Amino acid sequence: MDAVYNLSRAALMTASLFSGDVNNLRIASQDRLNQPYRFPFIPNGERVVKLAYDLGAYCVCISGAGPSLLAITEDERFAEKAEQCLSAYGLNDWKIREYACDPWGARSEQI
């Protein structure tokens, strides 16, 4: 059942990103196969996820092998706000990196 759950979320993530419908991203980023078992190894990870959602992130999930977290947002001040909140909560060991999305995705270059 968990595998079917994750597959349905992967399909929803693809459809949401393709259509630009960010309203489904929070549901699409849910996971039952990996994140429940990996969060205990990320100090304050679940607290940081809640913080990111409180700041308006569309979705938050473990990125790659972890312990990085990925938040998708359109708020240009999100990183600044998150740094302030992390500092206020004494979570100074977290670092924020801001990356832009390429609207065209992966593609080969013409030679």
PDB file of N, CA and C in Angstrom:
ATOM      1  N   MET A   1       0.812  -1.205   0.000  1.00  0.00           N
ATOM      2  CA  MET A   1       0.000   0.000   0.000  1.00  0.00           C
ATOM      3  C   MET A   1       0.851   1.263   0.000  1.00  0.00           C
ATOM      4  N   ASP A   2       1.961   1.243   0.749  1.00  0.00           N
ATOM      5  CA  ASP A   2       2.809   2.438   0.794  1.00  0.00           C
ATOM      6  C   ASP A   2       3.422   2.734  -0.569  1.00  0.00           C
ATOM      7  N   ALA A   3       3.764   1.698  -1.319  1.00  0.00           N
ATOM      8  CA  ALA A   3       4.338   1.906  -2.648  1.00  0.00           C
ATOM      9  C   ALA A   3       3.300   2.537  -3.579  1.00  0.00           C
ATOM     10  N   VAL A   4       2.074   2.087  -3.504  1.00  0.00           N
ATOM     11  CA  VAL A   4       1.002   2.672  -4.319  1.00  0.00           C
ATOM     12  C   VAL A   4       0.781   4.124  -3.910  1.00  0.00           C
ATOM     13  N   TYR A   5       0.797   4.368  -2.616  1.00  0.00           N
ATOM     14  CA  TYR A   5       0.660   5.734  -2.093  1.00  0.00           C
ATOM     15  C   TYR A   5       1.737   6.635  -2.692  1.00  0.00           C
ATOM     16  N   ASN A   6       2.994   6.190  -2.645  1.00  0.00           N
ATOM     17  CA  ASN A   6       4.098   6.992  -3.169  1.00  0.00           C
ATOM     18  C   ASN A   6       3.982   7.184  -4.676  1.00  0.00           C
ATOM     19  N   LEU A   7       3.591   6.143  -5.397  1.00  0.00           N
ATOM     20  CA  LEU A   7       3.430   6.276  -6.848  1.00  0.00           C
ATOM     21  C   LEU A   7       2.353   7.294  -7.199  1.00  0.00           C
ATOM     22  N   SER A   8       1.269   7.305  -6.446  1.00  0.00           N
ATOM     23  CA  SER A   8       0.212   8.289  -6.715  1.00  0.00           C
ATOM     24  C   SER A   8       0.716   9.698  -6.441  1.00  0.00           C
ATOM     25  N   ARG A   9       1.561   9.850  -5.421  1.00  0.00           N
ATOM     26  CA  ARG A   9       2.123  11.168  -5.112  1.00  0.00           C
ATOM     27  C   ARG A   9       3.114  11.608  -6.197  1.00  0.00           C
ATOM     28  N   ALA A  10       3.889  10.657  -6.723  1.00  0.00           N
ATOM     29  CA  ALA A  10       4.830  10.983  -7.797  1.00  0.00           C
ATOM     30  C   ALA A  10       4.080  11.452  -9.046  1.00  0.00           C
ATOM     31  N   ALA A  11       2.972  10.796  -9.358  1.00  0.00           N
ATOM     32  CA  ALA A  11       2.164  11.212 -10.503  1.00  0.00           C
ATOM     33  C   ALA A  11       1.566  12.600 -10.276  1.00  0.00           C
ATOM     34  N   LEU A  12       1.096  12.851  -9.065  1.00  0.00           N
ATOM     35  CA  LEU A  12       0.533  14.163  -8.740  1.00  0.00           C
ATOM     36  C   LEU A  12       1.607  15.245  -8.796  1.00  0.00           C
ATOM     37  N   MET A  13       2.818  14.931  -8.327  1.00  0.00           N
ATOM     38  CA  MET A  13       3.915  15.894  -8.387  1.00  0.00           C
ATOM     39  C   MET A  13       4.218  16.263  -9.840  1.00  0.00           C
ATOM     40  N   THR A  14       4.322  15.263 -10.692  1.00  0.00           N
ATOM     41  CA  THR A  14       4.598  15.503 -12.109  1.00  0.00           C
ATOM     42  C   THR A  14       3.508  16.371 -12.730  1.00  0.00           C
ATOM     43  N   ALA A  15       2.259  16.017 -12.498  1.00  0.00           N
ATOM     44  CA  ALA A  15       1.137  16.782 -13.060  1.00  0.00           C
ATOM     45  C   ALA A  15       1.115  18.210 -12.518  1.00  0.00           C
ATOM     46  N   SER A  16       1.387  18.365 -11.228  1.00  0.00           N
ATOM     47  CA  SER A  16       1.359  19.697 -10.616  1.00  0.00           C
ATOM     48  C   SER A  16       2.460  20.591 -11.178  1.00  0.00           C
ATOM     49  N   LEU A  17       3.660  20.048 -11.290  1.00  0.00           N
ATOM     50  CA  LEU A  17       4.769  20.844 -11.823  1.00  0.00           C
ATOM     51  C   LEU A  17       4.559  21.145 -13.299  1.00  0.00           C
ATOM     52  N   PHE A  18       4.045  20.190 -14.053  1.00  0.00           N
ATOM     53  CA  PHE A  18       3.813  20.385 -15.480  1.00  0.00           C
ATOM     54  C   PHE A  18       2.749  21.452 -15.715  1.00  0.00           C
ATOM     55  N   SER A  19       1.676  21.415 -14.918  1.00  0.00           N
ATOM     56  CA  SER A  19       0.571  22.355 -15.105  1.00  0.00           C
ATOM     57  C   SER A  19       0.800  23.693 -14.423  1.00  0.00           C
ATOM     58  N   GLY A  20       1.744  23.732 -13.482  1.00  0.00           N
ATOM     59  CA  GLY A  20       1.967  24.953 -12.721  1.00  0.00           C
ATOM     60  C   GLY A  20       0.992  25.122 -11.570  1.00  0.00           C
ATOM     61  N   ASP A  21       0.213  24.088 -11.256  1.00  0.00           N
ATOM     62  CA  ASP A  21      -0.750  24.128 -10.161  1.00  0.00           C
ATOM     63  C   ASP A  21      -0.043  23.799  -8.848  1.00  0.00           C
ATOM     64  N   VAL A  22       0.414  24.837  -8.166  1.00  0.00           N
ATOM     65  CA  VAL A  22       1.195  24.653  -6.942  1.00  0.00           C
ATOM     66  C   VAL A  22       0.342  24.226  -5.750  1.00  0.00           C
ATOM     67  N   ASN A  23      -0.977  24.291  -5.882  1.00  0.00           N
ATOM     68  CA  ASN A  23      -1.853  23.954  -4.762  1.00  0.00           C
ATOM     69  C   ASN A  23      -1.775  22.498  -4.349  1.00  0.00           C
ATOM     70  N   ASN A  24      -1.346  21.619  -5.241  1.00  0.00           N
ATOM     71  CA  ASN A  24      -1.259  20.197  -4.920  1.00  0.00           C
ATOM     72  C   ASN A  24       0.121  19.753  -4.453  1.00  0.00           C
ATOM     73  N   LEU A  25       1.092  20.649  -4.439  1.00  0.00           N
ATOM     74  CA  LEU A  25       2.457  20.246  -4.132  1.00  0.00           C
ATOM     75  C   LEU A  25       2.622  19.703  -2.717  1.00  0.00           C
ATOM     76  N   ARG A  26       1.892  20.233  -1.782  1.00  0.00           N
ATOM     77  CA  ARG A  26       2.024  19.748  -0.398  1.00  0.00           C
ATOM     78  C   ARG A  26       1.605  18.287  -0.296  1.00  0.00           C
ATOM     79  N   ILE A  27       0.523  17.942  -0.961  1.00  0.00           N
ATOM     80  CA  ILE A  27       0.073  16.549  -0.970  1.00  0.00           C
ATOM     81  C   ILE A  27       1.040  15.707  -1.798  1.00  0.00           C
ATOM     82  N   ALA A  28       1.483  16.238  -2.933  1.00  0.00           N
ATOM     83  CA  ALA A  28       2.355  15.489  -3.839  1.00  0.00           C
ATOM     84  C   ALA A  28       3.707  15.147  -3.212  1.00  0.00           C
ATOM     85  N   SER A  29       4.155  15.944  -2.262  1.00  0.00           N
ATOM     86  CA  SER A  29       5.473  15.703  -1.654  1.00  0.00           C
ATOM     87  C   SER A  29       5.412  14.756  -0.456  1.00  0.00           C
ATOM     88  N   GLN A  30       4.235  14.276  -0.113  1.00  0.00           N
ATOM     89  CA  GLN A  30       4.112  13.337   1.002  1.00  0.00           C
ATOM     90  C   GLN A  30       4.718  11.987   0.622  1.00  0.00           C
ATOM     91  N   ASP A  31       5.234  11.291   1.601  1.00  0.00           N
ATOM     92  CA  ASP A  31       5.962  10.051   1.362  1.00  0.00           C
ATOM     93  C   ASP A  31       5.767   9.098   2.524  1.00  0.00           C
ATOM     94  N   ARG A  32       5.619   7.820   2.205  1.00  0.00           N
ATOM     95  CA  ARG A  32       5.502   6.806   3.251  1.00  0.00           C
ATOM     96  C   ARG A  32       6.632   5.785   3.226  1.00  0.00           C
ATOM     97  N   LEU A  33       7.463   5.824   2.211  1.00  0.00           N
ATOM     98  CA  LEU A  33       8.514   4.816   2.084  1.00  0.00           C
ATOM     99  C   LEU A  33       9.851   5.245   2.674  1.00  0.00           C
ATOM    100  N   ASN A  34      10.155   6.516   2.623  1.00  0.00           N
ATOM    101  CA  ASN A  34      11.479   6.976   3.021  1.00  0.00           C
ATOM    102  C   ASN A  34      11.481   7.967   4.180  1.00  0.00           C
ATOM    103  N   GLN A  35      10.725   9.027   4.042  1.00  0.00           N
ATOM    104  CA  GLN A  35      10.822  10.121   5.003  1.00  0.00           C
ATOM    105  C   GLN A  35      10.498   9.736   6.447  1.00  0.00           C
ATOM    106  N   PRO A  36       9.496   8.901   6.704  1.00  0.00           N
ATOM    107  CA  PRO A  36       9.222   8.554   8.103  1.00  0.00           C
ATOM    108  C   PRO A  36      10.404   7.883   8.804  1.00  0.00           C
ATOM    109  N   TYR A  37      11.215   7.176   8.028  1.00  0.00           N
ATOM    110  CA  TYR A  37      12.353   6.461   8.603  1.00  0.00           C
ATOM    111  C   TYR A  37      13.614   7.315   8.635  1.00  0.00           C
ATOM    112  N   ARG A  38      13.674   8.337   7.808  1.00  0.00           N
ATOM    113  CA  ARG A  38      14.875   9.160   7.720  1.00  0.00           C
ATOM    114  C   ARG A  38      14.818  10.403   8.604  1.00  0.00           C
ATOM    115  N   PHE A  39      13.619  10.913   8.872  1.00  0.00           N
ATOM    116  CA  PHE A  39      13.522  12.131   9.690  1.00  0.00           C
ATOM    117  C   PHE A  39      14.163  11.983  11.072  1.00  0.00           C
ATOM    118  N   PRO A  40      14.089  10.833  11.727  1.00  0.00           N
ATOM    119  CA  PRO A  40      14.736  10.733  13.043  1.00  0.00           C
ATOM    120  C   PRO A  40      16.252  10.965  13.001  1.00  0.00           C
ATOM    121  N   PHE A  41      16.858  10.855  11.826  1.00  0.00           N
ATOM    122  CA  PHE A  41      18.299  11.071  11.699  1.00  0.00           C
ATOM    123  C   PHE A  41      18.650  12.506  11.307  1.00  0.00           C
ATOM    124  N   ILE A  42      17.642  13.358  11.167  1.00  0.00           N
ATOM    125  CA  ILE A  42      17.859  14.760  10.821  1.00  0.00           C
ATOM    126  C   ILE A  42      17.466  15.587  12.043  1.00  0.00           C
ATOM    127  N   PRO A  43      18.450  16.041  12.823  1.00  0.00           N
ATOM    128  CA  PRO A  43      18.134  16.798  14.034  1.00  0.00           C
ATOM    129  C   PRO A  43      17.246  18.011  13.733  1.00  0.00           C
ATOM    130  N   ASN A  44      16.113  18.084  14.393  1.00  0.00           N
ATOM    131  CA  ASN A  44      15.134  19.166  14.250  1.00  0.00           C
ATOM    132  C   ASN A  44      14.510  19.238  12.858  1.00  0.00           C
ATOM    133  N   GLY A  45      14.634  18.187  12.072  1.00  0.00           N
ATOM    134  CA  GLY A  45      14.112  18.194  10.704  1.00  0.00           C
ATOM    135  C   GLY A  45      12.617  18.441  10.639  1.00  0.00           C
ATOM    136  N   GLU A  46      11.850  17.741  11.463  1.00  0.00           N
ATOM    137  CA  GLU A  46      10.403  17.921  11.420  1.00  0.00           C
ATOM    138  C   GLU A  46      10.007  19.317  11.894  1.00  0.00           C
ATOM    139  N   ARG A  47      10.766  19.865  12.808  1.00  0.00           N
ATOM    140  CA  ARG A  47      10.512  21.233  13.281  1.00  0.00           C
ATOM    141  C   ARG A  47      10.769  22.247  12.164  1.00  0.00           C
ATOM    142  N   VAL A  48      11.829  22.018  11.390  1.00  0.00           N
ATOM    143  CA  VAL A  48      12.151  22.918  10.283  1.00  0.00           C
ATOM    144  C   VAL A  48      11.103  22.798   9.171  1.00  0.00           C
ATOM    145  N   VAL A  49      10.587  21.592   8.942  1.00  0.00           N
ATOM    146  CA  VAL A  49       9.513  21.416   7.955  1.00  0.00           C
ATOM    147  C   VAL A  49       8.292  22.239   8.365  1.00  0.00           C
ATOM    148  N   LYS A  50       7.913  22.143   9.630  1.00  0.00           N
ATOM    149  CA  LYS A  50       6.764  22.916  10.117  1.00  0.00           C
ATOM    150  C   LYS A  50       7.017  24.408   9.945  1.00  0.00           C
ATOM    151  N   LEU A  51       8.206  24.847  10.269  1.00  0.00           N
ATOM    152  CA  LEU A  51       8.566  26.251  10.110  1.00  0.00           C
ATOM    153  C   LEU A  51       8.417  26.689   8.656  1.00  0.00           C
ATOM    154  N   ALA A  52       8.903  25.872   7.726  1.00  0.00           N
ATOM    155  CA  ALA A  52       8.812  26.216   6.303  1.00  0.00           C
ATOM    156  C   ALA A  52       7.354  26.315   5.859  1.00  0.00           C
ATOM    157  N   TYR A  53       6.515  25.394   6.313  1.00  0.00           N
ATOM    158  CA  TYR A  53       5.093  25.478   5.978  1.00  0.00           C
ATOM    159  C   TYR A  53       4.456  26.713   6.608  1.00  0.00           C
ATOM    160  N   ASP A  54       4.829  27.022   7.843  1.00  0.00           N
ATOM    161  CA  ASP A  54       4.304  28.225   8.503  1.00  0.00           C
ATOM    162  C   ASP A  54       4.691  29.489   7.742  1.00  0.00           C
ATOM    163  N   LEU A  55       5.824  29.448   7.057  1.00  0.00           N
ATOM    164  CA  LEU A  55       6.277  30.598   6.274  1.00  0.00           C
ATOM    165  C   LEU A  55       5.694  30.612   4.861  1.00  0.00           C
ATOM    166  N   GLY A  56       4.878  29.613   4.536  1.00  0.00           N
ATOM    167  CA  GLY A  56       4.172  29.627   3.265  1.00  0.00           C
ATOM    168  C   GLY A  56       4.740  28.757   2.156  1.00  0.00           C
ATOM    169  N   ALA A  57       5.647  27.843   2.483  1.00  0.00           N
ATOM    170  CA  ALA A  57       6.178  26.946   1.455  1.00  0.00           C
ATOM    171  C   ALA A  57       5.052  26.110   0.872  1.00  0.00           C
ATOM    172  N   TYR A  58       5.126  25.842  -0.421  1.00  0.00           N
ATOM    173  CA  TYR A  58       4.132  24.981  -1.067  1.00  0.00           C
ATOM    174  C   TYR A  58       4.353  23.522  -0.668  1.00  0.00           C
ATOM    175  N   CYS A  59       5.600  23.118  -0.592  1.00  0.00           N
ATOM    176  CA  CYS A  59       5.917  21.760  -0.146  1.00  0.00           C
ATOM    177  C   CYS A  59       7.311  21.757   0.451  1.00  0.00           C
ATOM    178  N   VAL A  60       7.545  20.775   1.311  1.00  0.00           N
ATOM    179  CA  VAL A  60       8.843  20.592   1.955  1.00  0.00           C
ATOM    180  C   VAL A  60       9.084  19.089   2.029  1.00  0.00           C
ATOM    181  N   CYS A  61      10.301  18.672   1.687  1.00  0.00           N
ATOM    182  CA  CYS A  61      10.625  17.247   1.740  1.00  0.00           C
ATOM    183  C   CYS A  61      12.131  17.078   1.925  1.00  0.00           C
ATOM    184  N   ILE A  62      12.520  15.861   2.269  1.00  0.00           N
ATOM    185  CA  ILE A  62      13.940  15.553   2.347  1.00  0.00           C
ATOM    186  C   ILE A  62      14.489  15.587   0.928  1.00  0.00           C
ATOM    187  N   SER A  63      15.623  16.218   0.775  1.00  0.00           N
ATOM    188  CA  SER A  63      16.235  16.354  -0.542  1.00  0.00           C
ATOM    189  C   SER A  63      17.399  15.382  -0.680  1.00  0.00           C
ATOM    190  N   GLY A  64      17.383  14.600  -1.733  1.00  0.00           N
ATOM    191  CA  GLY A  64      18.460  13.649  -1.969  1.00  0.00           C
ATOM    192  C   GLY A  64      18.566  12.655  -0.830  1.00  0.00           C
ATOM    193  N   ALA A  65      19.785  12.347  -0.451  1.00  0.00           N
ATOM    194  CA  ALA A  65      20.008  11.389   0.635  1.00  0.00           C
ATOM    195  C   ALA A  65      19.836  12.038   2.000  1.00  0.00           C
ATOM    196  N   GLY A  66      19.629  13.349   2.031  1.00  0.00           N
ATOM    197  CA  GLY A  66      19.502  14.059   3.296  1.00  0.00           C
ATOM    198  C   GLY A  66      20.884  14.378   3.839  1.00  0.00           C
ATOM    199  N   PRO A  67      21.030  15.130   4.856  1.00  0.00           N
ATOM    200  CA  PRO A  67      19.971  15.662   5.696  1.00  0.00           C
ATOM    201  C   PRO A  67      19.377  16.972   5.184  1.00  0.00           C
ATOM    202  N   SER A  68      19.591  17.271   3.918  1.00  0.00           N
ATOM    203  CA  SER A  68      19.039  18.504   3.351  1.00  0.00           C
ATOM    204  C   SER A  68      17.528  18.408   3.203  1.00  0.00           C
ATOM    205  N   LEU A  69      16.889  19.550   3.347  1.00  0.00           N
ATOM    206  CA  LEU A  69      15.459  19.655   3.100  1.00  0.00           C
ATOM    207  C   LEU A  69      15.251  20.600   1.925  1.00  0.00           C
ATOM    208  N   LEU A  70      14.221  20.347   1.157  1.00  0.00           N
ATOM    209  CA  LEU A  70      13.875  21.163   0.001  1.00  0.00           C
ATOM    210  C   LEU A  70      12.519  21.791   0.255  1.00  0.00           C
ATOM    211  N   ALA A  71      12.436  23.102   0.092  1.00  0.00           N
ATOM    212  CA  ALA A  71      11.159  23.808   0.201  1.00  0.00           C
ATOM    213  C   ALA A  71      10.912  24.518  -1.125  1.00  0.00           C
ATOM    214  N   ILE A  72       9.712  24.378  -1.642  1.00  0.00           N
ATOM    215  CA  ILE A  72       9.337  25.076  -2.876  1.00  0.00           C
ATOM    216  C   ILE A  72       8.437  26.234  -2.492  1.00  0.00           C
ATOM    217  N   THR A  73       8.815  27.416  -2.940  1.00  0.00           N
ATOM    218  CA  THR A  73       8.082  28.631  -2.611  1.00  0.00           C
ATOM    219  C   THR A  73       8.289  29.658  -3.714  1.00  0.00           C
ATOM    220  N   GLU A  74       7.397  30.622  -3.791  1.00  0.00           N
ATOM    221  CA  GLU A  74       7.572  31.741  -4.717  1.00  0.00           C
ATOM    222  C   GLU A  74       7.900  33.031  -3.971  1.00  0.00           C
ATOM    223  N   ASP A  75       7.962  32.958  -2.655  1.00  0.00           N
ATOM    224  CA  ASP A  75       8.227  34.121  -1.815  1.00  0.00           C
ATOM    225  C   ASP A  75       9.696  34.516  -1.936  1.00  0.00           C
ATOM    226  N   GLU A  76       9.952  35.670  -2.503  1.00  0.00           N
ATOM    227  CA  GLU A  76      11.330  36.132  -2.695  1.00  0.00           C
ATOM    228  C   GLU A  76      12.045  36.391  -1.375  1.00  0.00           C
ATOM    229  N   ARG A  77      11.314  36.555  -0.299  1.00  0.00           N
ATOM    230  CA  ARG A  77      11.908  36.809   1.013  1.00  0.00           C
ATOM    231  C   ARG A  77      11.913  35.562   1.898  1.00  0.00           C
ATOM    232  N   PHE A  78      11.548  34.418   1.332  1.00  0.00           N
ATOM    233  CA  PHE A  78      11.444  33.187   2.122  1.00  0.00           C
ATOM    234  C   PHE A  78      12.748  32.867   2.842  1.00  0.00           C
ATOM    235  N   ALA A  79      13.863  32.899   2.137  1.00  0.00           N
ATOM    236  CA  ALA A  79      15.155  32.546   2.742  1.00  0.00           C
ATOM    237  C   ALA A  79      15.480  33.487   3.898  1.00  0.00           C
ATOM    238  N   GLU A  80      15.249  34.761   3.700  1.00  0.00           N
ATOM    239  CA  GLU A  80      15.516  35.754   4.750  1.00  0.00           C
ATOM    240  C   GLU A  80      14.642  35.492   5.981  1.00  0.00           C
ATOM    241  N   LYS A  81      13.351  35.250   5.752  1.00  0.00           N
ATOM    242  CA  LYS A  81      12.433  34.969   6.853  1.00  0.00           C
ATOM    243  C   LYS A  81      12.821  33.671   7.566  1.00  0.00           C
ATOM    244  N   ALA A  82      13.169  32.659   6.796  1.00  0.00           N
ATOM    245  CA  ALA A  82      13.539  31.371   7.379  1.00  0.00           C
ATOM    246  C   ALA A  82      14.790  31.506   8.234  1.00  0.00           C
ATOM    247  N   GLU A  83      15.781  32.248   7.763  1.00  0.00           N
ATOM    248  CA  GLU A  83      17.003  32.455   8.550  1.00  0.00           C
ATOM    249  C   GLU A  83      16.688  33.147   9.868  1.00  0.00           C
ATOM    250  N   GLN A  84      15.817  34.147   9.833  1.00  0.00           N
ATOM    251  CA  GLN A  84      15.433  34.851  11.050  1.00  0.00           C
ATOM    252  C   GLN A  84      14.737  33.901  12.037  1.00  0.00           C
ATOM    253  N   CYS A  85      13.827  33.085  11.531  1.00  0.00           N
ATOM    254  CA  CYS A  85      13.106  32.144  12.392  1.00  0.00           C
ATOM    255  C   CYS A  85      14.039  31.078  12.956  1.00  0.00           C
ATOM    256  N   LEU A  86      14.906  30.542  12.113  1.00  0.00           N
ATOM    257  CA  LEU A  86      15.848  29.531  12.592  1.00  0.00           C
ATOM    258  C   LEU A  86      16.710  30.091  13.713  1.00  0.00           C
ATOM    259  N   SER A  87      17.162  31.316  13.541  1.00  0.00           N
ATOM    260  CA  SER A  87      17.982  31.965  14.560  1.00  0.00           C
ATOM    261  C   SER A  87      17.176  32.182  15.843  1.00  0.00           C
ATOM    262  N   ALA A  88      15.941  32.643  15.698  1.00  0.00           N
ATOM    263  CA  ALA A  88      15.088  32.896  16.856  1.00  0.00           C
ATOM    264  C   ALA A  88      14.809  31.615  17.633  1.00  0.00           C
ATOM    265  N   TYR A  89      14.730  30.482  16.942  1.00  0.00           N
ATOM    266  CA  TYR A  89      14.473  29.195  17.587  1.00  0.00           C
ATOM    267  C   TYR A  89      15.753  28.497  18.022  1.00  0.00           C
ATOM    268  N   GLY A  90      16.901  29.151  17.832  1.00  0.00           N
ATOM    269  CA  GLY A  90      18.172  28.560  18.246  1.00  0.00           C
ATOM    270  C   GLY A  90      18.650  27.435  17.346  1.00  0.00           C
ATOM    271  N   LEU A  91      18.155  27.393  16.124  1.00  0.00           N
ATOM    272  CA  LEU A  91      18.549  26.354  15.172  1.00  0.00           C
ATOM    273  C   LEU A  91      19.639  26.898  14.253  1.00  0.00           C
ATOM    274  N   ASN A  92      20.723  27.321  14.856  1.00  0.00           N
ATOM    275  CA  ASN A  92      21.792  28.004  14.119  1.00  0.00           C
ATOM    276  C   ASN A  92      22.673  27.071  13.303  1.00  0.00           C
ATOM    277  N   ASP A  93      22.510  25.759  13.464  1.00  0.00           N
ATOM    278  CA  ASP A  93      23.323  24.827  12.692  1.00  0.00           C
ATOM    279  C   ASP A  93      22.721  24.555  11.303  1.00  0.00           C
ATOM    280  N   TRP A  94      21.551  25.115  11.024  1.00  0.00           N
ATOM    281  CA  TRP A  94      20.934  24.983   9.702  1.00  0.00           C
ATOM    282  C   TRP A  94      21.427  26.103   8.798  1.00  0.00           C
ATOM    283  N   LYS A  95      21.671  25.776   7.544  1.00  0.00           N
ATOM    284  CA  LYS A  95      22.085  26.766   6.549  1.00  0.00           C
ATOM    285  C   LYS A  95      21.070  26.770   5.414  1.00  0.00           C
ATOM    286  N   ILE A  96      20.783  27.941   4.901  1.00  0.00           N
ATOM    287  CA  ILE A  96      19.810  28.057   3.822  1.00  0.00           C
ATOM    288  C   ILE A  96      20.531  28.372   2.523  1.00  0.00           C
ATOM    289  N   ARG A  97      20.171  27.643   1.498  1.00  0.00           N
ATOM    290  CA  ARG A  97      20.676  27.882   0.147  1.00  0.00           C
ATOM    291  C   ARG A  97      19.467  28.131  -0.738  1.00  0.00           C
ATOM    292  N   GLU A  98      19.534  29.172  -1.522  1.00  0.00           N
ATOM    293  CA  GLU A  98      18.419  29.527  -2.390  1.00  0.00           C
ATOM    294  C   GLU A  98      18.790  29.224  -3.840  1.00  0.00           C
ATOM    295  N   TYR A  99      17.910  28.501  -4.510  1.00  0.00           N
ATOM    296  CA  TYR A  99      18.139  28.136  -5.902  1.00  0.00           C
ATOM    297  C   TYR A  99      16.914  28.511  -6.722  1.00  0.00           C
ATOM    298  N   ALA A 100      17.150  28.903  -7.945  1.00  0.00           N
ATOM    299  CA  ALA A 100      16.055  29.227  -8.858  1.00  0.00           C
ATOM    300  C   ALA A 100      15.723  27.994  -9.690  1.00  0.00           C
ATOM    301  N   CYS A 101      14.497  27.905 -10.113  1.00  0.00           N
ATOM    302  CA  CYS A 101      14.064  26.816 -10.989  1.00  0.00           C
ATOM    303  C   CYS A 101      14.279  27.232 -12.442  1.00  0.00           C
ATOM    304  N   ASP A 102      14.708  26.302 -13.233  1.00  0.00           N
ATOM    305  CA  ASP A 102      14.800  26.529 -14.670  1.00  0.00           C
ATOM    306  C   ASP A 102      13.448  26.158 -15.260  1.00  0.00           C
ATOM    307  N   PRO A 103      12.713  27.117 -15.819  1.00  0.00           N
ATOM    308  CA  PRO A 103      11.365  26.811 -16.313  1.00  0.00           C
ATOM    309  C   PRO A 103      11.353  25.848 -17.505  1.00  0.00           C
ATOM    310  N   TRP A 104      12.504  25.598 -18.087  1.00  0.00           N
ATOM    311  CA  TRP A 104      12.559  24.719 -19.252  1.00  0.00           C
ATOM    312  C   TRP A 104      13.025  23.314 -18.877  1.00  0.00           C
ATOM    313  N   GLY A 105      13.528  23.114 -17.678  1.00  0.00           N
ATOM    314  CA  GLY A 105      13.953  21.785 -17.250  1.00  0.00           C
ATOM    315  C   GLY A 105      15.206  21.305 -17.930  1.00  0.00           C
ATOM    316  N   ALA A 106      15.500  20.045 -17.772  1.00  0.00           N
ATOM    317  CA  ALA A 106      16.709  19.465 -18.361  1.00  0.00           C
ATOM    318  C   ALA A 106      16.553  19.401 -19.882  1.00  0.00           C
ATOM    319  N   ARG A 107      17.603  19.736 -20.575  1.00  0.00           N
ATOM    320  CA  ARG A 107      17.578  19.696 -22.044  1.00  0.00           C
ATOM    321  C   ARG A 107      18.996  19.601 -22.550  1.00  0.00           C
ATOM    322  N   SER A 108      19.159  19.081 -23.723  1.00  0.00           N
ATOM    323  CA  SER A 108      20.498  18.995 -24.312  1.00  0.00           C
ATOM    324  C   SER A 108      20.798  20.279 -25.066  1.00  0.00           C
ATOM    325  N   GLU A 109      22.039  20.644 -25.089  1.00  0.00           N
ATOM    326  CA  GLU A 109      22.452  21.847 -25.802  1.00  0.00           C
ATOM    327  C   GLU A 109      22.752  21.488 -27.261  1.00  0.00           C
ATOM    328  N   GLN A 110      22.356  22.332 -28.149  1.00  0.00           N
ATOM    329  CA  GLN A 110      22.675  22.149 -29.574  1.00  0.00           C
ATOM    330  C   GLN A 110      24.123  22.503 -29.797  1.00  0.00           C
ATOM    331  N   ILE A 111      24.842  21.696 -30.533  1.00  0.00           N
ATOM    332  CA  ILE A 111      26.256  21.978 -30.843  1.00  0.00           C
ATOM    333  C   ILE A 111      26.354  22.489 -32.245  1.00  0.00           C
TER     334      ILE A 111
END
